[in-house]
Amino acid sequence: MAESRWPAAVFDLDGTLVDTVPLIVASYQHAFRTHLGREEDEALIRSWIGQPLIRAFRSVDETKADALYDTYVGWNQDNTERLIRPFEGAAELLTALHDAGVTVAVATSKRRPQAQRALELTGLAGLVEPTVTLEDTDAHKPDPAPILLACERIGVAPERAVYVGDAAVDVRAGASAGLSTIAVTWGAGTGTDLAGAAPTGTAHSFAELQSLLLR
């Protein structure tokens, strides 16, 4: 039977456990077209994934940030079921972790209803629940607050857990919280940005991620 390298694994959600990057990019572009009459550079949008939406919109246009946010949220909700996709291998990984006795949690910048819906639509709701969502902390990634709260809620010391994410902000937040970190390359982050964040390990597939998490 496989043994865990860490007693607990905390996961990011978007781009890590569920394939939402195309949905997120499309939602941003719809909001920008609606209120600014243009689209934004996709690489820049992808760099925002993992952080609160309103922070990104304020960085583009402070005066229209609230309108951009509301339009994004509405379009995203209307198109989630059409555009969200499961990652092949995600359910199998979570099952293997549970079988090995690993406590699994999610710390995401999504709001709780949207996070729960994403897990339900991709068949993961029975395997993991949103542990920490946007509403739970005042500070957000790359601040370590959400990940520290996730560790507190599952009753594990940060140094005995690993945080898994697809963006540099995930790696930096996990490291700042005192966790080991694993960067996955199938989400929003570029290889250069992920390497620059200096994760404990890097996985290019769910099989590789499982080999990093389990002996």
C-alpha atoms as a PDB file:
ATOM      1  CA  MET A   1       0.000   0.000   0.000  1.00  0.00           C
ATOM      2  CA  ALA A   2       1.260   3.475  -0.870  1.00  0.00           C
ATOM      3  CA  GLU A   3       2.473   5.699   1.956  1.00  0.00           C
ATOM      4  CA  SER A   4       2.241   9.468   2.036  1.00  0.00           C
ATOM      5  CA  ARG A   5       5.245  11.760   2.158  1.00  0.00           C
ATOM      6  CA  TRP A   6       3.047  14.294   3.972  1.00  0.00           C
ATOM      7  CA  PRO A   7       0.074  13.636   6.307  1.00  0.00           C
ATOM      8  CA  ALA A   8      -1.934  16.352   4.543  1.00  0.00           C
ATOM      9  CA  ALA A   9      -2.152  17.812   1.043  1.00  0.00           C
ATOM     10  CA  VAL A  10      -3.809  21.166   0.389  1.00  0.00           C
ATOM     11  CA  PHE A  11      -4.761  21.906  -3.209  1.00  0.00           C
ATOM     12  CA  ASP A  12      -5.488  24.989  -5.243  1.00  0.00           C
ATOM     13  CA  LEU A  13      -8.620  24.483  -7.346  1.00  0.00           C
ATOM     14  CA  ASP A  14      -8.630  26.382 -10.673  1.00  0.00           C
ATOM     15  CA  GLY A  15      -6.118  24.923 -13.096  1.00  0.00           C
ATOM     16  CA  THR A  16      -4.945  22.381 -10.525  1.00  0.00           C
ATOM     17  CA  LEU A  17      -7.851  20.044  -9.747  1.00  0.00           C
ATOM     18  CA  VAL A  18     -10.391  21.338 -12.286  1.00  0.00           C
ATOM     19  CA  ASP A  19      -9.854  22.594 -15.822  1.00  0.00           C
ATOM     20  CA  THR A  20     -11.300  26.097 -15.590  1.00  0.00           C
ATOM     21  CA  VAL A  21      -8.596  28.162 -17.299  1.00  0.00           C
ATOM     22  CA  PRO A  22     -10.452  28.504 -20.651  1.00  0.00           C
ATOM     23  CA  LEU A  23     -13.629  29.462 -18.759  1.00  0.00           C
ATOM     24  CA  ILE A  24     -11.770  32.052 -16.686  1.00  0.00           C
ATOM     25  CA  VAL A  25     -10.012  33.605 -19.681  1.00  0.00           C
ATOM     26  CA  ALA A  26     -13.276  33.794 -21.633  1.00  0.00           C
ATOM     27  CA  SER A  27     -15.045  35.386 -18.655  1.00  0.00           C
ATOM     28  CA  TYR A  28     -12.371  38.059 -18.324  1.00  0.00           C
ATOM     29  CA  GLN A  29     -12.467  38.817 -22.053  1.00  0.00           C
ATOM     30  CA  HIS A  30     -16.254  39.130 -22.025  1.00  0.00           C
ATOM     31  CA  ALA A  31     -16.048  41.643 -19.182  1.00  0.00           C
ATOM     32  CA  PHE A  32     -13.329  43.644 -20.921  1.00  0.00           C
ATOM     33  CA  ARG A  33     -15.226  43.724 -24.221  1.00  0.00           C
ATOM     34  CA  THR A  34     -18.394  44.816 -22.422  1.00  0.00           C
ATOM     35  CA  HIS A  35     -16.923  47.682 -20.404  1.00  0.00           C
ATOM     36  CA  LEU A  36     -13.630  48.621 -22.088  1.00  0.00           C
ATOM     37  CA  GLY A  37     -14.398  47.780 -25.702  1.00  0.00           C
ATOM     38  CA  ARG A  38     -11.327  45.604 -26.033  1.00  0.00           C
ATOM     39  CA  GLU A  39      -9.770  42.324 -24.978  1.00  0.00           C
ATOM     40  CA  GLU A  40      -6.740  41.897 -22.715  1.00  0.00           C
ATOM     41  CA  ASP A  41      -3.533  39.976 -23.329  1.00  0.00           C
ATOM     42  CA  GLU A  42      -4.238  36.329 -22.480  1.00  0.00           C
ATOM     43  CA  ALA A  43      -0.839  35.818 -20.860  1.00  0.00           C
ATOM     44  CA  LEU A  44      -1.614  38.631 -18.445  1.00  0.00           C
ATOM     45  CA  ILE A  45      -5.027  37.149 -17.649  1.00  0.00           C
ATOM     46  CA  ARG A  46      -3.499  33.758 -16.972  1.00  0.00           C
ATOM     47  CA  SER A  47      -1.039  35.382 -14.573  1.00  0.00           C
ATOM     48  CA  TRP A  48      -3.988  36.633 -12.498  1.00  0.00           C
ATOM     49  CA  ILE A  49      -5.501  33.187 -11.998  1.00  0.00           C
ATOM     50  CA  GLY A  50      -5.319  32.139  -8.381  1.00  0.00           C
ATOM     51  CA  GLN A  51      -5.817  35.667  -7.080  1.00  0.00           C
ATOM     52  CA  PRO A  52      -9.061  37.515  -6.252  1.00  0.00           C
ATOM     53  CA  LEU A  53     -10.915  38.806  -9.307  1.00  0.00           C
ATOM     54  CA  ILE A  54     -11.443  42.298  -7.956  1.00  0.00           C
ATOM     55  CA  ARG A  55      -7.699  42.767  -7.457  1.00  0.00           C
ATOM     56  CA  ALA A  56      -7.086  42.059 -11.132  1.00  0.00           C
ATOM     57  CA  PHE A  57      -9.870  44.363 -12.299  1.00  0.00           C
ATOM     58  CA  ARG A  58      -8.640  47.198 -10.088  1.00  0.00           C
ATOM     59  CA  SER A  59      -5.191  46.870 -11.630  1.00  0.00           C
ATOM     60  CA  VAL A  60      -6.717  47.478 -15.074  1.00  0.00           C
ATOM     61  CA  ASP A  61      -9.322  50.172 -14.359  1.00  0.00           C
ATOM     62  CA  GLU A  62     -10.056  51.240 -10.789  1.00  0.00           C
ATOM     63  CA  THR A  63     -13.169  53.189 -11.789  1.00  0.00           C
ATOM     64  CA  LYS A  64     -14.792  50.271 -13.628  1.00  0.00           C
ATOM     65  CA  ALA A  65     -13.560  47.438 -11.435  1.00  0.00           C
ATOM     66  CA  ASP A  66     -16.926  46.749  -9.796  1.00  0.00           C
ATOM     67  CA  ALA A  67     -18.775  46.700 -13.120  1.00  0.00           C
ATOM     68  CA  LEU A  68     -16.115  44.440 -14.632  1.00  0.00           C
ATOM     69  CA  TYR A  69     -16.391  42.116 -11.656  1.00  0.00           C
ATOM     70  CA  ASP A  70     -20.186  41.886 -11.811  1.00  0.00           C
ATOM     71  CA  THR A  71     -20.162  41.202 -15.550  1.00  0.00           C
ATOM     72  CA  TYR A  72     -17.464  38.558 -15.159  1.00  0.00           C
ATOM     73  CA  VAL A  73     -19.361  36.771 -12.401  1.00  0.00           C
ATOM     74  CA  GLY A  74     -22.642  36.728 -14.302  1.00  0.00           C
ATOM     75  CA  TRP A  75     -21.137  35.440 -17.543  1.00  0.00           C
ATOM     76  CA  ASN A  76     -18.983  32.923 -15.694  1.00  0.00           C
ATOM     77  CA  GLN A  77     -21.977  31.485 -13.862  1.00  0.00           C
ATOM     78  CA  ASP A  78     -24.001  31.256 -17.068  1.00  0.00           C
ATOM     79  CA  ASN A  79     -21.221  29.436 -18.910  1.00  0.00           C
ATOM     80  CA  THR A  80     -19.583  27.303 -16.253  1.00  0.00           C
ATOM     81  CA  GLU A  81     -21.424  24.113 -17.103  1.00  0.00           C
ATOM     82  CA  ARG A  82     -20.636  24.573 -20.808  1.00  0.00           C
ATOM     83  CA  LEU A  83     -16.925  25.335 -20.459  1.00  0.00           C
ATOM     84  CA  ILE A  84     -15.644  23.629 -17.316  1.00  0.00           C
ATOM     85  CA  ARG A  85     -13.838  20.321 -17.797  1.00  0.00           C
ATOM     86  CA  PRO A  86     -12.512  17.637 -15.452  1.00  0.00           C
ATOM     87  CA  PHE A  87      -8.819  16.827 -15.513  1.00  0.00           C
ATOM     88  CA  GLU A  88      -8.206  13.206 -16.383  1.00  0.00           C
ATOM     89  CA  GLY A  89      -6.480  11.663 -13.398  1.00  0.00           C
ATOM     90  CA  ALA A  90      -7.698  14.103 -10.745  1.00  0.00           C
ATOM     91  CA  ALA A  91     -10.315  11.777  -9.241  1.00  0.00           C
ATOM     92  CA  GLU A  92      -7.910   8.849  -9.270  1.00  0.00           C
ATOM     93  CA  LEU A  93      -5.255  10.924  -7.480  1.00  0.00           C
ATOM     94  CA  LEU A  94      -7.644  12.066  -4.761  1.00  0.00           C
ATOM     95  CA  THR A  95      -8.848   8.495  -4.272  1.00  0.00           C
ATOM     96  CA  ALA A  96      -5.261   7.265  -3.914  1.00  0.00           C
ATOM     97  CA  LEU A  97      -4.532   9.958  -1.341  1.00  0.00           C
ATOM     98  CA  HIS A  98      -7.594   9.021   0.688  1.00  0.00           C
ATOM     99  CA  ASP A  99      -6.630   5.348   0.502  1.00  0.00           C
ATOM    100  CA  ALA A 100      -3.172   6.249   1.828  1.00  0.00           C
ATOM    101  CA  GLY A 101      -4.689   8.091   4.776  1.00  0.00           C
ATOM    102  CA  VAL A 102      -3.822  11.579   3.566  1.00  0.00           C
ATOM    103  CA  THR A 103      -6.014  14.447   4.739  1.00  0.00           C
ATOM    104  CA  VAL A 104      -6.969  16.419   1.625  1.00  0.00           C
ATOM    105  CA  ALA A 105      -8.096  20.051   1.583  1.00  0.00           C
ATOM    106  CA  VAL A 106      -8.693  22.869  -0.897  1.00  0.00           C
ATOM    107  CA  ALA A 107      -7.628  26.506  -0.456  1.00  0.00           C
ATOM    108  CA  THR A 108      -8.904  28.611  -3.339  1.00  0.00           C
ATOM    109  CA  SER A 109      -9.583  32.237  -4.262  1.00  0.00           C
ATOM    110  CA  LYS A 110     -12.998  31.195  -5.610  1.00  0.00           C
ATOM    111  CA  ARG A 111     -16.115  31.993  -3.611  1.00  0.00           C
ATOM    112  CA  ARG A 112     -17.573  28.971  -1.856  1.00  0.00           C
ATOM    113  CA  PRO A 113     -20.693  28.427  -4.031  1.00  0.00           C
ATOM    114  CA  GLN A 114     -18.613  28.593  -7.226  1.00  0.00           C
ATOM    115  CA  ALA A 115     -15.946  26.314  -5.788  1.00  0.00           C
ATOM    116  CA  GLN A 116     -18.535  23.750  -4.711  1.00  0.00           C
ATOM    117  CA  ARG A 117     -20.206  23.869  -8.113  1.00  0.00           C
ATOM    118  CA  ALA A 118     -16.875  23.346  -9.880  1.00  0.00           C
ATOM    119  CA  LEU A 119     -16.206  20.235  -7.806  1.00  0.00           C
ATOM    120  CA  GLU A 120     -19.712  18.907  -8.424  1.00  0.00           C
ATOM    121  CA  LEU A 121     -19.556  19.452 -12.187  1.00  0.00           C
ATOM    122  CA  THR A 122     -16.221  17.652 -12.447  1.00  0.00           C
ATOM    123  CA  GLY A 123     -17.156  14.726 -10.216  1.00  0.00           C
ATOM    124  CA  LEU A 124     -14.821  15.603  -7.359  1.00  0.00           C
ATOM    125  CA  ALA A 125     -17.320  16.759  -4.726  1.00  0.00           C
ATOM    126  CA  GLY A 126     -17.375  13.371  -3.029  1.00  0.00           C
ATOM    127  CA  LEU A 127     -13.600  13.344  -2.758  1.00  0.00           C
ATOM    128  CA  VAL A 128     -12.791  16.824  -1.470  1.00  0.00           C
ATOM    129  CA  GLU A 129     -14.655  19.899  -0.297  1.00  0.00           C
ATOM    130  CA  PRO A 130     -13.706  23.589  -0.405  1.00  0.00           C
ATOM    131  CA  THR A 131     -11.885  24.066   2.904  1.00  0.00           C
ATOM    132  CA  VAL A 132     -10.960  27.731   2.535  1.00  0.00           C
ATOM    133  CA  THR A 133     -12.529  30.062  -0.025  1.00  0.00           C
ATOM    134  CA  LEU A 134     -12.397  33.773  -0.814  1.00  0.00           C
ATOM    135  CA  GLU A 135     -14.861  34.717   1.932  1.00  0.00           C
ATOM    136  CA  ASP A 136     -12.800  33.127   4.696  1.00  0.00           C
ATOM    137  CA  THR A 137      -9.794  35.482   4.850  1.00  0.00           C
ATOM    138  CA  ASP A 138      -9.120  39.174   4.386  1.00  0.00           C
ATOM    139  CA  ALA A 139      -5.710  38.517   2.829  1.00  0.00           C
ATOM    140  CA  HIS A 140      -5.295  36.322  -0.246  1.00  0.00           C
ATOM    141  CA  LYS A 141      -2.548  34.569  -2.186  1.00  0.00           C
ATOM    142  CA  PRO A 142       0.352  35.181  -2.382  1.00  0.00           C
ATOM    143  CA  ASP A 143      -0.300  35.999   1.285  1.00  0.00           C
ATOM    144  CA  PRO A 144      -0.152  32.743   3.286  1.00  0.00           C
ATOM    145  CA  ALA A 145      -3.364  33.421   5.255  1.00  0.00           C
ATOM    146  CA  PRO A 146      -5.698  31.093   3.254  1.00  0.00           C
ATOM    147  CA  ILE A 147      -3.286  28.184   3.424  1.00  0.00           C
ATOM    148  CA  LEU A 148      -2.581  28.669   7.110  1.00  0.00           C
ATOM    149  CA  LEU A 149      -6.325  28.677   7.757  1.00  0.00           C
ATOM    150  CA  ALA A 150      -6.736  25.482   5.738  1.00  0.00           C
ATOM    151  CA  CYS A 151      -4.070  23.787   7.871  1.00  0.00           C
ATOM    152  CA  GLU A 152      -5.797  25.007  11.022  1.00  0.00           C
ATOM    153  CA  ARG A 153      -9.174  23.681   9.861  1.00  0.00           C
ATOM    154  CA  ILE A 154      -7.845  20.218   9.084  1.00  0.00           C
ATOM    155  CA  GLY A 155      -5.712  20.140  12.239  1.00  0.00           C
ATOM    156  CA  VAL A 156      -2.256  19.749  10.733  1.00  0.00           C
ATOM    157  CA  ALA A 157       0.908  21.746  11.342  1.00  0.00           C
ATOM    158  CA  PRO A 158       2.023  23.589   8.180  1.00  0.00           C
ATOM    159  CA  GLU A 159       5.422  21.909   8.169  1.00  0.00           C
ATOM    160  CA  ARG A 160       3.663  18.537   7.896  1.00  0.00           C
ATOM    161  CA  ALA A 161       1.648  19.488   4.809  1.00  0.00           C
ATOM    162  CA  VAL A 162       2.187  20.224   1.121  1.00  0.00           C
ATOM    163  CA  TYR A 163       0.437  22.799  -1.029  1.00  0.00           C
ATOM    164  CA  VAL A 164      -0.199  21.941  -4.681  1.00  0.00           C
ATOM    165  CA  GLY A 165      -0.938  24.650  -7.234  1.00  0.00           C
ATOM    166  CA  ASP A 166      -0.546  25.707 -10.854  1.00  0.00           C
ATOM    167  CA  ALA A 167       0.595  29.316 -10.376  1.00  0.00           C
ATOM    168  CA  ALA A 168       3.605  31.083  -8.941  1.00  0.00           C
ATOM    169  CA  VAL A 169       1.366  32.763  -6.351  1.00  0.00           C
ATOM    170  CA  ASP A 170       0.372  29.307  -5.120  1.00  0.00           C
ATOM    171  CA  VAL A 171       3.986  28.278  -4.622  1.00  0.00           C
ATOM    172  CA  ARG A 172       4.900  31.524  -2.908  1.00  0.00           C
ATOM    173  CA  ALA A 173       1.857  31.414  -0.622  1.00  0.00           C
ATOM    174  CA  GLY A 174       2.517  27.809   0.342  1.00  0.00           C
ATOM    175  CA  ALA A 175       6.171  28.453   1.065  1.00  0.00           C
ATOM    176  CA  SER A 176       5.348  31.564   3.104  1.00  0.00           C
ATOM    177  CA  ALA A 177       2.935  29.462   5.151  1.00  0.00           C
ATOM    178  CA  GLY A 178       5.705  26.977   5.915  1.00  0.00           C
ATOM    179  CA  LEU A 179       4.455  24.134   3.717  1.00  0.00           C
ATOM    180  CA  SER A 180       6.332  22.135   1.135  1.00  0.00           C
ATOM    181  CA  THR A 181       5.093  23.036  -2.339  1.00  0.00           C
ATOM    182  CA  ILE A 182       4.460  21.271  -5.628  1.00  0.00           C
ATOM    183  CA  ALA A 183       3.899  23.201  -8.845  1.00  0.00           C
ATOM    184  CA  VAL A 184       1.828  21.540 -11.578  1.00  0.00           C
ATOM    185  CA  THR A 185       2.377  22.543 -15.178  1.00  0.00           C
ATOM    186  CA  TRP A 186      -1.049  21.842 -16.713  1.00  0.00           C
ATOM    187  CA  GLY A 187      -2.729  25.015 -15.464  1.00  0.00           C
ATOM    188  CA  ALA A 188      -2.238  28.756 -15.786  1.00  0.00           C
ATOM    189  CA  GLY A 189       1.395  29.231 -14.806  1.00  0.00           C
ATOM    190  CA  THR A 190       4.281  29.261 -17.253  1.00  0.00           C
ATOM    191  CA  GLY A 191       7.267  27.013 -16.725  1.00  0.00           C
ATOM    192  CA  THR A 192       9.519  30.018 -16.192  1.00  0.00           C
ATOM    193  CA  ASP A 193       7.257  31.603 -13.576  1.00  0.00           C
ATOM    194  CA  LEU A 194       6.780  28.334 -11.724  1.00  0.00           C
ATOM    195  CA  ALA A 195      10.497  27.588 -11.668  1.00  0.00           C
ATOM    196  CA  GLY A 196      11.200  31.122 -10.472  1.00  0.00           C
ATOM    197  CA  ALA A 197       8.972  30.527  -7.447  1.00  0.00           C
ATOM    198  CA  ALA A 198      11.257  27.627  -6.440  1.00  0.00           C
ATOM    199  CA  PRO A 199       8.741  24.886  -5.541  1.00  0.00           C
ATOM    200  CA  THR A 200       9.798  21.824  -3.572  1.00  0.00           C
ATOM    201  CA  GLY A 201       8.826  19.723  -6.597  1.00  0.00           C
ATOM    202  CA  THR A 202       7.219  20.033 -10.031  1.00  0.00           C
ATOM    203  CA  ALA A 203       4.733  17.667 -11.677  1.00  0.00           C
ATOM    204  CA  HIS A 204       3.940  17.503 -15.390  1.00  0.00           C
ATOM    205  CA  SER A 205       1.131  14.938 -15.066  1.00  0.00           C
ATOM    206  CA  PHE A 206      -1.199  13.559 -12.426  1.00  0.00           C
ATOM    207  CA  ALA A 207       0.819  10.330 -12.448  1.00  0.00           C
ATOM    208  CA  GLU A 208       3.953  12.314 -11.676  1.00  0.00           C
ATOM    209  CA  LEU A 209       2.123  14.274  -8.991  1.00  0.00           C
ATOM    210  CA  GLN A 210       1.017  11.040  -7.358  1.00  0.00           C
ATOM    211  CA  SER A 211       4.598   9.780  -7.321  1.00  0.00           C
ATOM    212  CA  LEU A 212       5.675  12.986  -5.573  1.00  0.00           C
ATOM    213  CA  LEU A 213       2.921  12.752  -2.970  1.00  0.00           C
ATOM    214  CA  LEU A 214       3.011   9.018  -2.298  1.00  0.00           C
ATOM    215  CA  ARG A 215       5.856   6.572  -1.840  1.00  0.00           C
END
